[in-house]
N, C-alpha and C. Protein backbone atom coordinates (compact mmCIF):
# COMPACT_ATOMS: atom_id res chain seq x y z
N UNK A 1 56.95 -28.66 -17.04
CA UNK A 1 56.94 -28.29 -18.44
C UNK A 1 55.79 -28.99 -19.18
N UNK A 2 55.67 -30.32 -18.99
CA UNK A 2 54.62 -31.04 -19.70
C UNK A 2 53.24 -30.70 -19.16
N UNK A 3 53.14 -30.39 -17.87
CA UNK A 3 51.85 -30.00 -17.30
C UNK A 3 51.37 -28.70 -17.93
N UNK A 4 52.29 -27.78 -18.15
CA UNK A 4 51.95 -26.50 -18.76
C UNK A 4 51.47 -26.73 -20.20
N UNK A 5 52.16 -27.63 -20.94
CA UNK A 5 51.79 -27.92 -22.32
C UNK A 5 50.38 -28.52 -22.38
N UNK A 6 50.13 -29.54 -21.55
CA UNK A 6 48.83 -30.19 -21.57
C UNK A 6 47.73 -29.27 -21.04
N UNK A 7 48.06 -28.39 -20.13
CA UNK A 7 47.09 -27.42 -19.65
C UNK A 7 46.67 -26.46 -20.75
N UNK A 8 47.65 -25.97 -21.53
CA UNK A 8 47.34 -25.07 -22.65
C UNK A 8 46.56 -25.81 -23.74
N UNK A 9 46.94 -27.06 -23.99
CA UNK A 9 46.23 -27.85 -25.00
C UNK A 9 44.78 -28.07 -24.56
N UNK A 10 44.57 -28.37 -23.30
CA UNK A 10 43.21 -28.55 -22.80
C UNK A 10 42.38 -27.29 -22.92
N UNK A 11 42.96 -26.13 -22.62
CA UNK A 11 42.24 -24.86 -22.76
C UNK A 11 41.90 -24.61 -24.22
N UNK A 12 42.86 -24.90 -25.10
CA UNK A 12 42.64 -24.69 -26.53
C UNK A 12 41.48 -25.55 -27.04
N UNK A 13 41.50 -26.83 -26.68
CA UNK A 13 40.43 -27.74 -27.12
C UNK A 13 39.09 -27.35 -26.51
N UNK A 14 39.09 -26.95 -25.26
CA UNK A 14 37.86 -26.54 -24.60
C UNK A 14 37.25 -25.34 -25.31
N UNK A 15 38.10 -24.38 -25.68
CA UNK A 15 37.61 -23.19 -26.38
C UNK A 15 37.05 -23.57 -27.75
N UNK A 16 37.73 -24.46 -28.47
CA UNK A 16 37.28 -24.86 -29.80
C UNK A 16 35.98 -25.65 -29.75
N UNK A 17 35.85 -26.54 -28.79
CA UNK A 17 34.67 -27.38 -28.72
C UNK A 17 33.45 -26.63 -28.21
N UNK A 18 33.64 -25.62 -27.41
CA UNK A 18 32.51 -24.84 -26.89
C UNK A 18 32.10 -23.72 -27.82
N UNK A 19 32.82 -23.54 -28.90
CA UNK A 19 32.55 -22.46 -29.83
C UNK A 19 31.42 -22.88 -30.77
N UNK A 20 30.46 -21.99 -31.02
CA UNK A 20 29.33 -22.30 -31.89
C UNK A 20 29.62 -22.01 -33.36
N UNK A 21 30.79 -21.53 -33.68
CA UNK A 21 31.11 -21.19 -35.06
C UNK A 21 31.19 -22.44 -35.91
N UNK A 22 30.92 -22.25 -37.18
CA UNK A 22 31.04 -23.34 -38.14
C UNK A 22 32.53 -23.65 -38.31
N UNK A 23 32.93 -24.93 -38.23
CA UNK A 23 34.34 -25.23 -38.39
C UNK A 23 34.85 -24.95 -39.80
N UNK A 24 33.92 -24.79 -40.75
CA UNK A 24 34.32 -24.44 -42.10
C UNK A 24 34.39 -22.91 -42.18
N UNK A 25 35.58 -22.38 -42.28
CA UNK A 25 35.76 -20.94 -42.33
C UNK A 25 35.67 -20.47 -43.78
N UNK A 26 35.30 -19.22 -43.97
CA UNK A 26 35.22 -18.67 -45.32
C UNK A 26 36.61 -18.24 -45.76
N UNK A 27 37.02 -18.68 -46.90
CA UNK A 27 38.30 -18.28 -47.47
C UNK A 27 38.03 -17.40 -48.68
N UNK A 28 38.71 -16.29 -48.74
CA UNK A 28 38.59 -15.38 -49.87
C UNK A 28 39.87 -15.45 -50.67
N UNK A 29 39.74 -15.53 -51.98
CA UNK A 29 40.93 -15.47 -52.80
C UNK A 29 40.56 -14.89 -54.15
N UNK A 30 41.55 -14.39 -54.85
CA UNK A 30 41.32 -13.77 -56.14
C UNK A 30 41.50 -14.80 -57.24
N UNK A 31 40.66 -14.66 -58.25
CA UNK A 31 40.75 -15.51 -59.41
C UNK A 31 42.01 -15.12 -60.19
N UNK A 32 42.41 -15.96 -61.15
CA UNK A 32 43.61 -15.66 -61.92
C UNK A 32 43.49 -14.33 -62.67
N UNK A 33 42.25 -13.95 -63.00
CA UNK A 33 42.03 -12.67 -63.66
C UNK A 33 42.35 -11.50 -62.74
N UNK A 34 42.21 -11.69 -61.45
CA UNK A 34 42.58 -10.65 -60.50
C UNK A 34 41.42 -9.91 -59.87
N UNK A 35 40.27 -9.86 -60.50
CA UNK A 35 39.18 -9.04 -59.99
C UNK A 35 38.18 -9.82 -59.15
N UNK A 36 37.83 -11.00 -59.58
CA UNK A 36 36.73 -11.72 -58.96
C UNK A 36 37.18 -12.42 -57.68
N UNK A 37 36.40 -12.27 -56.62
CA UNK A 37 36.70 -12.93 -55.35
C UNK A 37 35.77 -14.13 -55.23
N UNK A 38 36.33 -15.27 -54.94
CA UNK A 38 35.53 -16.48 -54.74
C UNK A 38 35.53 -16.83 -53.27
N UNK A 39 34.41 -17.33 -52.79
CA UNK A 39 34.30 -17.75 -51.40
C UNK A 39 34.15 -19.26 -51.41
N UNK A 40 34.98 -19.91 -50.63
CA UNK A 40 34.94 -21.36 -50.58
C UNK A 40 34.98 -21.79 -49.12
N UNK A 41 34.08 -22.65 -48.74
CA UNK A 41 34.05 -23.13 -47.36
C UNK A 41 35.05 -24.28 -47.23
N UNK A 42 36.05 -24.10 -46.36
CA UNK A 42 37.04 -25.14 -46.14
C UNK A 42 37.34 -25.27 -44.66
N UNK A 43 37.89 -26.41 -44.28
CA UNK A 43 38.33 -26.64 -42.92
C UNK A 43 39.76 -27.17 -43.01
N UNK A 44 40.65 -26.56 -42.27
CA UNK A 44 42.06 -26.95 -42.29
C UNK A 44 42.32 -27.86 -41.09
N UNK A 45 42.86 -29.03 -41.35
CA UNK A 45 43.21 -29.97 -40.29
C UNK A 45 44.59 -30.52 -40.60
N UNK A 46 45.58 -30.07 -39.88
CA UNK A 46 46.94 -30.49 -40.14
C UNK A 46 47.39 -30.03 -41.50
N UNK A 47 47.85 -30.95 -42.33
CA UNK A 47 48.29 -30.60 -43.68
C UNK A 47 47.21 -30.79 -44.72
N UNK A 48 46.00 -31.14 -44.32
CA UNK A 48 44.92 -31.39 -45.27
C UNK A 48 43.90 -30.26 -45.23
N UNK A 49 43.22 -30.09 -46.33
CA UNK A 49 42.15 -29.10 -46.43
C UNK A 49 40.91 -29.83 -46.89
N UNK A 50 39.83 -29.75 -46.12
CA UNK A 50 38.58 -30.42 -46.46
C UNK A 50 37.61 -29.39 -47.00
N UNK A 51 36.89 -29.74 -48.05
CA UNK A 51 35.87 -28.86 -48.60
C UNK A 51 34.51 -29.30 -48.10
N UNK A 52 33.66 -28.34 -47.80
CA UNK A 52 32.31 -28.64 -47.34
C UNK A 52 31.47 -29.06 -48.54
N UNK A 53 30.66 -30.07 -48.36
CA UNK A 53 29.81 -30.55 -49.44
C UNK A 53 28.77 -29.50 -49.78
N UNK A 54 28.50 -29.37 -51.07
CA UNK A 54 27.50 -28.42 -51.53
C UNK A 54 26.13 -28.98 -51.20
N UNK A 55 25.28 -28.21 -50.50
CA UNK A 55 23.97 -28.74 -50.15
C UNK A 55 23.10 -28.91 -51.40
N UNK A 56 22.27 -29.94 -51.38
CA UNK A 56 21.37 -30.17 -52.50
C UNK A 56 20.25 -29.13 -52.46
N UNK A 57 19.90 -28.67 -53.65
CA UNK A 57 18.82 -27.69 -53.74
C UNK A 57 17.48 -28.41 -53.62
N UNK A 58 16.61 -27.83 -52.84
CA UNK A 58 15.27 -28.39 -52.73
C UNK A 58 14.44 -27.78 -53.85
N UNK A 59 13.93 -28.62 -54.70
CA UNK A 59 13.16 -28.16 -55.86
C UNK A 59 11.69 -28.14 -55.47
N UNK A 60 11.07 -26.99 -55.70
CA UNK A 60 9.64 -26.88 -55.45
C UNK A 60 8.89 -27.44 -56.65
N UNK A 61 7.99 -28.35 -56.37
CA UNK A 61 7.18 -28.93 -57.42
C UNK A 61 5.99 -28.03 -57.70
N UNK A 62 5.65 -27.91 -58.96
CA UNK A 62 4.54 -27.09 -59.41
C UNK A 62 3.31 -27.98 -59.52
N UNK A 63 2.13 -27.51 -59.08
CA UNK A 63 0.92 -28.33 -59.28
C UNK A 63 0.66 -28.54 -60.77
N UNK A 64 0.45 -29.78 -61.14
CA UNK A 64 0.32 -30.15 -62.55
C UNK A 64 -1.04 -30.77 -62.80
N UNK A 65 -1.66 -30.46 -63.94
CA UNK A 65 -2.91 -31.15 -64.30
C UNK A 65 -2.67 -32.65 -64.48
N UNK A 66 -3.69 -33.43 -64.24
CA UNK A 66 -3.57 -34.89 -64.33
C UNK A 66 -3.19 -35.36 -65.73
N UNK A 67 -3.58 -34.59 -66.75
CA UNK A 67 -3.28 -34.99 -68.13
C UNK A 67 -1.78 -34.99 -68.41
N UNK A 68 -1.02 -34.16 -67.68
CA UNK A 68 0.42 -34.06 -67.92
C UNK A 68 1.25 -34.97 -67.03
N UNK A 69 0.64 -35.59 -66.06
CA UNK A 69 1.39 -36.45 -65.14
C UNK A 69 2.09 -37.59 -65.89
N UNK A 70 1.43 -38.15 -66.88
CA UNK A 70 2.02 -39.23 -67.66
C UNK A 70 3.22 -38.74 -68.48
N UNK A 71 3.16 -37.50 -68.96
CA UNK A 71 4.28 -36.95 -69.72
C UNK A 71 5.52 -36.79 -68.84
N UNK A 72 5.33 -36.38 -67.60
CA UNK A 72 6.46 -36.28 -66.69
C UNK A 72 7.05 -37.66 -66.42
N UNK A 73 6.19 -38.67 -66.31
CA UNK A 73 6.66 -40.02 -66.06
C UNK A 73 7.43 -40.56 -67.26
N UNK A 74 7.01 -40.20 -68.47
CA UNK A 74 7.74 -40.61 -69.67
C UNK A 74 9.16 -40.06 -69.64
N UNK A 75 9.32 -38.83 -69.15
CA UNK A 75 10.65 -38.23 -69.04
C UNK A 75 11.42 -38.73 -67.82
N UNK A 76 10.77 -39.53 -66.99
CA UNK A 76 11.43 -40.08 -65.82
C UNK A 76 11.52 -39.09 -64.67
N UNK A 77 10.56 -38.17 -64.59
CA UNK A 77 10.56 -37.14 -63.55
C UNK A 77 9.30 -37.22 -62.70
N UNK A 78 9.37 -36.57 -61.56
CA UNK A 78 8.18 -36.44 -60.72
C UNK A 78 7.29 -35.36 -61.33
N UNK A 79 5.99 -35.53 -61.33
CA UNK A 79 5.11 -34.49 -61.86
C UNK A 79 5.29 -33.19 -61.10
N UNK A 80 5.57 -32.11 -61.85
CA UNK A 80 5.73 -30.81 -61.25
C UNK A 80 7.16 -30.31 -61.22
N UNK A 81 8.09 -31.06 -61.78
CA UNK A 81 9.49 -30.61 -61.83
C UNK A 81 9.57 -29.36 -62.71
N UNK A 82 10.55 -28.48 -62.46
CA UNK A 82 10.69 -27.27 -63.29
C UNK A 82 11.05 -27.61 -64.74
N UNK A 83 10.84 -26.65 -65.60
CA UNK A 83 11.07 -26.85 -67.03
C UNK A 83 12.54 -27.15 -67.33
N UNK A 84 13.46 -26.56 -66.58
CA UNK A 84 14.88 -26.82 -66.81
C UNK A 84 15.22 -28.29 -66.59
N UNK A 85 14.65 -28.88 -65.54
CA UNK A 85 14.87 -30.30 -65.28
C UNK A 85 14.26 -31.15 -66.39
N UNK A 86 13.10 -30.74 -66.89
CA UNK A 86 12.44 -31.47 -67.98
C UNK A 86 13.31 -31.44 -69.23
N UNK A 87 13.91 -30.28 -69.48
CA UNK A 87 14.72 -30.13 -70.69
C UNK A 87 15.97 -31.01 -70.61
N UNK A 88 16.63 -31.05 -69.46
CA UNK A 88 17.82 -31.89 -69.34
C UNK A 88 17.46 -33.38 -69.45
N UNK A 89 16.33 -33.77 -68.84
CA UNK A 89 15.90 -35.17 -68.94
C UNK A 89 15.56 -35.52 -70.39
N UNK A 90 14.91 -34.60 -71.09
CA UNK A 90 14.55 -34.80 -72.50
C UNK A 90 15.80 -35.01 -73.35
N UNK A 91 16.80 -34.15 -73.16
CA UNK A 91 18.04 -34.27 -73.94
C UNK A 91 18.75 -35.59 -73.64
N UNK A 92 18.82 -35.95 -72.37
CA UNK A 92 19.51 -37.19 -72.02
C UNK A 92 18.80 -38.41 -72.59
N UNK A 93 17.46 -38.40 -72.55
CA UNK A 93 16.71 -39.54 -73.11
C UNK A 93 16.86 -39.61 -74.63
N UNK A 94 16.90 -38.45 -75.29
CA UNK A 94 17.09 -38.46 -76.74
C UNK A 94 18.46 -39.01 -77.11
N UNK A 95 19.47 -38.66 -76.34
CA UNK A 95 20.81 -39.20 -76.61
C UNK A 95 20.82 -40.71 -76.43
N UNK A 96 20.10 -41.19 -75.43
CA UNK A 96 20.10 -42.61 -75.13
C UNK A 96 19.31 -43.42 -76.15
N UNK A 97 18.15 -42.92 -76.59
CA UNK A 97 17.24 -43.70 -77.43
C UNK A 97 17.22 -43.29 -78.89
N UNK A 98 18.13 -42.46 -79.33
CA UNK A 98 18.10 -42.00 -80.72
C UNK A 98 18.35 -43.18 -81.66
N UNK A 99 17.63 -43.23 -82.79
CA UNK A 99 17.78 -44.37 -83.72
C UNK A 99 19.20 -44.52 -84.27
N UNK A 100 19.92 -43.43 -84.44
CA UNK A 100 21.28 -43.53 -84.95
C UNK A 100 22.23 -44.19 -83.94
N UNK A 101 21.93 -44.10 -82.67
CA UNK A 101 22.78 -44.70 -81.64
C UNK A 101 22.41 -46.17 -81.42
N UNK A 102 21.19 -46.55 -81.79
CA UNK A 102 20.74 -47.93 -81.61
C UNK A 102 20.86 -48.67 -82.94
N UNK A 103 22.05 -49.16 -83.20
CA UNK A 103 22.24 -49.90 -84.45
C UNK A 103 21.68 -51.31 -84.28
N UNK A 104 21.23 -51.82 -85.34
CA UNK A 104 20.65 -53.17 -85.29
C UNK A 104 19.67 -53.34 -86.43
N UNK A 105 18.72 -54.20 -86.23
CA UNK A 105 17.75 -54.48 -87.28
C UNK A 105 16.82 -53.28 -87.47
N UNK A 106 16.06 -53.35 -88.51
CA UNK A 106 15.11 -52.28 -88.81
C UNK A 106 14.04 -52.20 -87.73
N UNK A 107 13.72 -53.33 -87.13
CA UNK A 107 12.71 -53.36 -86.08
C UNK A 107 13.20 -52.61 -84.84
N UNK A 108 14.46 -52.78 -84.49
CA UNK A 108 15.03 -52.09 -83.34
C UNK A 108 15.06 -50.58 -83.59
N UNK A 109 15.45 -50.20 -84.80
CA UNK A 109 15.49 -48.77 -85.13
C UNK A 109 14.10 -48.17 -85.18
N UNK A 110 13.12 -48.92 -85.62
CA UNK A 110 11.74 -48.41 -85.64
C UNK A 110 11.24 -48.20 -84.22
N UNK A 111 11.56 -49.13 -83.32
CA UNK A 111 11.17 -48.98 -81.92
C UNK A 111 11.85 -47.75 -81.30
N UNK A 112 13.13 -47.54 -81.61
CA UNK A 112 13.85 -46.38 -81.10
C UNK A 112 13.25 -45.09 -81.64
N UNK A 113 12.82 -45.12 -82.89
CA UNK A 113 12.19 -43.94 -83.50
C UNK A 113 10.88 -43.61 -82.79
N UNK A 114 10.06 -44.64 -82.52
CA UNK A 114 8.80 -44.41 -81.81
C UNK A 114 9.05 -43.87 -80.41
N UNK A 115 10.07 -44.39 -79.76
CA UNK A 115 10.40 -43.93 -78.40
C UNK A 115 10.81 -42.46 -78.40
N UNK A 116 11.66 -42.07 -79.35
CA UNK A 116 12.08 -40.66 -79.41
C UNK A 116 10.91 -39.74 -79.74
N UNK A 117 10.00 -40.21 -80.58
CA UNK A 117 8.81 -39.41 -80.89
C UNK A 117 7.97 -39.19 -79.64
N UNK A 118 7.77 -40.25 -78.84
CA UNK A 118 7.00 -40.13 -77.60
C UNK A 118 7.68 -39.20 -76.60
N UNK A 119 9.00 -39.30 -76.50
CA UNK A 119 9.74 -38.45 -75.57
C UNK A 119 9.63 -36.99 -75.98
N UNK A 120 9.80 -36.72 -77.27
CA UNK A 120 9.71 -35.34 -77.76
C UNK A 120 8.30 -34.80 -77.60
N UNK A 121 7.28 -35.61 -77.88
CA UNK A 121 5.89 -35.18 -77.72
C UNK A 121 5.60 -34.82 -76.26
N UNK A 122 6.09 -35.65 -75.34
CA UNK A 122 5.87 -35.38 -73.92
C UNK A 122 6.55 -34.07 -73.50
N UNK A 123 7.80 -33.86 -73.94
CA UNK A 123 8.50 -32.62 -73.57
C UNK A 123 7.80 -31.40 -74.17
N UNK A 124 7.36 -31.49 -75.42
CA UNK A 124 6.70 -30.34 -76.04
C UNK A 124 5.39 -30.00 -75.34
N UNK A 125 4.65 -31.01 -74.90
CA UNK A 125 3.41 -30.74 -74.16
C UNK A 125 3.70 -30.04 -72.85
N UNK A 126 4.73 -30.50 -72.15
CA UNK A 126 5.10 -29.87 -70.87
C UNK A 126 5.58 -28.44 -71.10
N UNK A 127 6.42 -28.24 -72.12
CA UNK A 127 6.93 -26.90 -72.40
C UNK A 127 5.79 -25.95 -72.78
N UNK A 128 4.84 -26.43 -73.59
CA UNK A 128 3.70 -25.59 -73.98
C UNK A 128 2.86 -25.24 -72.77
N UNK A 129 2.69 -26.19 -71.85
CA UNK A 129 1.92 -25.92 -70.64
C UNK A 129 2.61 -24.88 -69.76
N UNK A 130 3.95 -24.96 -69.66
CA UNK A 130 4.68 -23.96 -68.88
C UNK A 130 4.57 -22.58 -69.51
N UNK A 131 4.54 -22.51 -70.85
CA UNK A 131 4.47 -21.21 -71.54
C UNK A 131 3.08 -20.60 -71.45
N UNK A 132 2.05 -21.41 -71.73
CA UNK A 132 0.71 -20.85 -71.87
C UNK A 132 -0.19 -21.12 -70.67
N UNK A 133 0.07 -22.16 -69.92
CA UNK A 133 -0.80 -22.54 -68.82
C UNK A 133 -1.95 -23.42 -69.24
N UNK A 134 -2.01 -23.75 -70.53
CA UNK A 134 -3.07 -24.61 -71.05
C UNK A 134 -2.48 -25.96 -71.44
N UNK A 135 -3.25 -27.02 -71.21
CA UNK A 135 -2.79 -28.36 -71.56
C UNK A 135 -3.09 -28.59 -73.04
N UNK A 136 -2.04 -28.79 -73.87
CA UNK A 136 -2.30 -29.04 -75.29
C UNK A 136 -2.83 -30.45 -75.51
N UNK A 137 -3.60 -30.60 -76.55
CA UNK A 137 -4.17 -31.90 -76.88
C UNK A 137 -3.13 -32.74 -77.62
N UNK A 138 -3.33 -34.05 -77.59
CA UNK A 138 -2.42 -34.96 -78.31
C UNK A 138 -2.60 -34.76 -79.75
């Protein structure tokens, strides 16, 4: 009896290990609305369900003129990042360095004001370059 059980288990494992299929199977299910089908990669192991990690997107960098490289660095990005990435970095930096968020002496607020002006100027130059293809002057 036990030999038969272990023989079947060995065949099962041999078949699973020699299979080239992705262990994450596609699951289809309907959204609460009823119409939309979502596909989610999951692997079932016993009573647990594991989700496959979402792969990171590889962002293609755009060739950038040397005059704009410093503006990308001000935003904390690599030169050539897409405009969407520049916009999110710009918004996050403005939230961080806005004068209203930096309470303190007038000197601290003046420094925060200059920083936000530089951040906005850098983003506007990058956005103008993406729109027109020309590097705007300071």
